[in-house]
């Protein structure tokens, strides 16, 4: 939701700085940034950086995202 975000969600349940997606080598990961409502990967709330692969379902607030090629 923040103005400096690469992906901005129109979701009142997403924090201004909610999560970060990054790449390390050939692996992608997502990290919750201390959001109020949590970040979920395949319906599990994450508490540390978590590896994601193609097809992984991510939920931020009430918004569902999927890593695609």
N, C-alpha and C. Protein backbone atom coordinates (compact mmCIF):
# COMPACT_ATOMS: atom_id res chain seq x y z
N UNK A 1 0.81 -1.20 0.00
CA UNK A 1 0.00 0.00 0.00
C UNK A 1 0.85 1.26 0.00
N UNK A 2 2.09 1.17 0.42
CA UNK A 2 2.96 2.35 0.49
C UNK A 2 3.29 2.89 -0.89
N UNK A 3 3.49 4.20 -0.97
CA UNK A 3 3.75 4.84 -2.26
C UNK A 3 5.08 4.40 -2.88
N UNK A 4 6.01 3.88 -2.07
CA UNK A 4 7.30 3.44 -2.60
C UNK A 4 7.32 1.94 -2.93
N UNK A 5 6.20 1.27 -2.78
CA UNK A 5 6.13 -0.18 -3.02
C UNK A 5 6.16 -0.49 -4.51
N UNK A 6 6.85 -1.57 -4.88
CA UNK A 6 6.88 -2.01 -6.28
C UNK A 6 5.52 -2.56 -6.69
N UNK A 7 4.84 -3.23 -5.76
CA UNK A 7 3.49 -3.74 -5.98
C UNK A 7 2.60 -3.11 -4.92
N UNK A 8 1.61 -2.36 -5.35
CA UNK A 8 0.71 -1.69 -4.41
C UNK A 8 -0.64 -2.39 -4.42
N UNK A 9 -1.10 -2.76 -3.24
CA UNK A 9 -2.37 -3.46 -3.11
C UNK A 9 -3.44 -2.51 -2.59
N UNK A 10 -4.61 -2.57 -3.18
CA UNK A 10 -5.76 -1.80 -2.70
C UNK A 10 -6.52 -2.71 -1.73
N UNK A 11 -5.96 -2.89 -0.54
CA UNK A 11 -6.47 -3.85 0.44
C UNK A 11 -6.27 -3.25 1.83
N UNK A 12 -7.36 -2.94 2.50
CA UNK A 12 -7.29 -2.32 3.83
C UNK A 12 -6.64 -3.22 4.88
N UNK A 13 -6.53 -4.51 4.59
CA UNK A 13 -5.93 -5.45 5.54
C UNK A 13 -4.43 -5.63 5.32
N UNK A 14 -3.89 -4.98 4.29
CA UNK A 14 -2.45 -5.00 4.03
C UNK A 14 -1.81 -3.80 4.71
N UNK A 15 -0.68 -4.03 5.36
CA UNK A 15 0.05 -2.93 6.00
C UNK A 15 0.75 -2.09 4.94
N UNK A 16 1.12 -0.86 5.30
CA UNK A 16 1.80 0.03 4.36
C UNK A 16 3.08 -0.61 3.84
N UNK A 17 3.87 -1.19 4.72
CA UNK A 17 5.07 -1.97 4.34
C UNK A 17 4.83 -3.38 4.87
N UNK A 18 4.25 -4.22 4.08
CA UNK A 18 3.74 -5.51 4.55
C UNK A 18 4.75 -6.65 4.39
N UNK A 19 5.26 -6.82 3.18
CA UNK A 19 6.15 -7.95 2.89
C UNK A 19 7.12 -7.56 1.79
N UNK A 20 8.17 -8.37 1.69
CA UNK A 20 9.17 -8.15 0.66
C UNK A 20 9.42 -9.46 -0.06
N UNK A 21 9.43 -9.40 -1.40
CA UNK A 21 9.79 -10.55 -2.22
C UNK A 21 11.16 -10.27 -2.80
N UNK A 22 12.04 -11.25 -2.74
CA UNK A 22 13.38 -11.07 -3.26
C UNK A 22 13.92 -12.34 -3.87
N UNK A 23 15.09 -12.21 -4.46
CA UNK A 23 15.74 -13.34 -5.10
C UNK A 23 17.16 -13.45 -4.58
N UNK A 24 17.57 -14.67 -4.27
CA UNK A 24 18.93 -14.96 -3.85
C UNK A 24 19.43 -16.10 -4.73
N UNK A 25 20.31 -15.77 -5.65
CA UNK A 25 20.74 -16.76 -6.64
C UNK A 25 19.56 -17.14 -7.51
N UNK A 26 19.24 -18.41 -7.57
CA UNK A 26 18.11 -18.86 -8.39
C UNK A 26 16.84 -19.05 -7.56
N UNK A 27 16.91 -18.77 -6.26
CA UNK A 27 15.74 -18.96 -5.39
C UNK A 27 15.05 -17.64 -5.09
N UNK A 28 13.72 -17.70 -5.01
CA UNK A 28 12.90 -16.57 -4.63
C UNK A 28 12.43 -16.78 -3.20
N UNK A 29 12.22 -15.68 -2.48
CA UNK A 29 11.74 -15.77 -1.10
C UNK A 29 10.79 -14.62 -0.82
N UNK A 30 10.00 -14.79 0.23
CA UNK A 30 9.13 -13.72 0.73
C UNK A 30 9.39 -13.58 2.22
N UNK A 31 9.32 -12.35 2.68
CA UNK A 31 9.58 -12.04 4.08
C UNK A 31 8.53 -11.07 4.58
N UNK A 32 7.90 -11.38 5.70
CA UNK A 32 6.95 -10.46 6.32
C UNK A 32 7.75 -9.35 7.00
N UNK A 33 7.30 -8.12 6.88
CA UNK A 33 8.01 -6.97 7.44
C UNK A 33 7.36 -6.45 8.72
N UNK A 34 6.86 -7.37 9.54
CA UNK A 34 6.22 -6.97 10.79
C UNK A 34 4.80 -6.47 10.59
N UNK A 35 4.12 -7.00 9.60
CA UNK A 35 2.76 -6.56 9.29
C UNK A 35 1.79 -6.90 10.42
N UNK A 36 0.70 -6.17 10.47
CA UNK A 36 -0.33 -6.40 11.49
C UNK A 36 -1.06 -7.71 11.27
N UNK A 37 -1.43 -8.01 10.03
CA UNK A 37 -2.27 -9.17 9.74
C UNK A 37 -1.51 -10.38 9.20
N UNK A 38 -0.21 -10.28 9.09
CA UNK A 38 0.60 -11.42 8.67
C UNK A 38 0.63 -11.65 7.18
N UNK A 39 1.62 -12.44 6.79
CA UNK A 39 1.80 -12.89 5.42
C UNK A 39 1.69 -14.41 5.44
N UNK A 40 0.93 -14.95 4.51
CA UNK A 40 0.67 -16.39 4.48
C UNK A 40 1.20 -17.00 3.19
N UNK A 41 1.87 -18.13 3.32
CA UNK A 41 2.36 -18.90 2.18
C UNK A 41 1.68 -20.26 2.25
N UNK A 42 0.90 -20.56 1.21
CA UNK A 42 0.13 -21.82 1.18
C UNK A 42 -0.64 -22.01 2.49
N UNK A 43 -1.32 -20.95 2.92
CA UNK A 43 -2.20 -20.93 4.11
C UNK A 43 -1.48 -21.05 5.45
N UNK A 44 -0.15 -20.88 5.47
CA UNK A 44 0.60 -20.90 6.73
C UNK A 44 1.23 -19.53 6.95
N UNK A 45 0.98 -18.95 8.13
CA UNK A 45 1.57 -17.65 8.45
C UNK A 45 3.07 -17.81 8.60
N UNK A 46 3.84 -16.95 7.93
CA UNK A 46 5.29 -17.04 7.99
C UNK A 46 5.83 -16.09 9.04
N UNK A 47 6.92 -16.49 9.66
CA UNK A 47 7.57 -15.67 10.69
C UNK A 47 9.03 -15.42 10.36
N UNK A 48 9.49 -15.98 9.26
CA UNK A 48 10.86 -15.78 8.81
C UNK A 48 10.87 -15.83 7.28
N UNK A 49 11.95 -15.37 6.64
CA UNK A 49 11.99 -15.45 5.18
C UNK A 49 11.72 -16.89 4.73
N UNK A 50 10.87 -17.01 3.72
CA UNK A 50 10.39 -18.32 3.27
C UNK A 50 10.59 -18.45 1.77
N UNK A 51 11.19 -19.56 1.36
CA UNK A 51 11.41 -19.83 -0.06
C UNK A 51 10.07 -20.06 -0.75
N UNK A 52 9.92 -19.47 -1.93
CA UNK A 52 8.72 -19.67 -2.73
C UNK A 52 9.13 -20.16 -4.12
N UNK A 53 8.26 -20.96 -4.71
CA UNK A 53 8.50 -21.50 -6.04
C UNK A 53 7.30 -21.18 -6.92
N UNK A 54 7.42 -21.47 -8.21
CA UNK A 54 6.31 -21.21 -9.13
C UNK A 54 5.06 -21.90 -8.62
N UNK A 55 3.96 -21.18 -8.61
CA UNK A 55 2.69 -21.72 -8.16
C UNK A 55 2.41 -21.54 -6.68
N UNK A 56 3.39 -21.05 -5.92
CA UNK A 56 3.18 -20.82 -4.49
C UNK A 56 2.09 -19.77 -4.31
N UNK A 57 1.13 -20.05 -3.43
CA UNK A 57 0.06 -19.10 -3.14
C UNK A 57 0.46 -18.24 -1.95
N UNK A 58 0.36 -16.94 -2.12
CA UNK A 58 0.72 -15.96 -1.10
C UNK A 58 -0.53 -15.15 -0.78
N UNK A 59 -0.77 -14.92 0.52
CA UNK A 59 -1.89 -14.05 0.91
C UNK A 59 -1.35 -12.90 1.73
N UNK A 60 -1.68 -11.70 1.29
CA UNK A 60 -1.36 -10.46 1.99
C UNK A 60 -2.68 -9.75 2.20
N UNK A 61 -3.07 -9.58 3.46
CA UNK A 61 -4.39 -9.05 3.75
C UNK A 61 -5.43 -10.02 3.23
N UNK A 62 -6.33 -9.53 2.38
CA UNK A 62 -7.33 -10.40 1.76
C UNK A 62 -7.00 -10.67 0.29
N UNK A 63 -5.79 -10.28 -0.12
CA UNK A 63 -5.37 -10.42 -1.50
C UNK A 63 -4.51 -11.67 -1.68
N UNK A 64 -4.83 -12.47 -2.69
CA UNK A 64 -4.05 -13.66 -3.01
C UNK A 64 -3.15 -13.36 -4.21
N UNK A 65 -1.90 -13.78 -4.11
CA UNK A 65 -0.92 -13.62 -5.17
C UNK A 65 -0.31 -14.98 -5.45
N UNK A 66 0.24 -15.13 -6.66
CA UNK A 66 0.90 -16.39 -7.01
C UNK A 66 2.16 -16.07 -7.80
N UNK A 67 3.26 -16.75 -7.46
CA UNK A 67 4.50 -16.57 -8.20
C UNK A 67 4.38 -17.30 -9.53
N UNK A 68 4.56 -16.54 -10.62
CA UNK A 68 4.47 -17.11 -11.97
C UNK A 68 5.68 -16.70 -12.78
N UNK A 69 5.94 -17.46 -13.79
CA UNK A 69 7.05 -17.18 -14.69
C UNK A 69 6.67 -16.15 -15.72
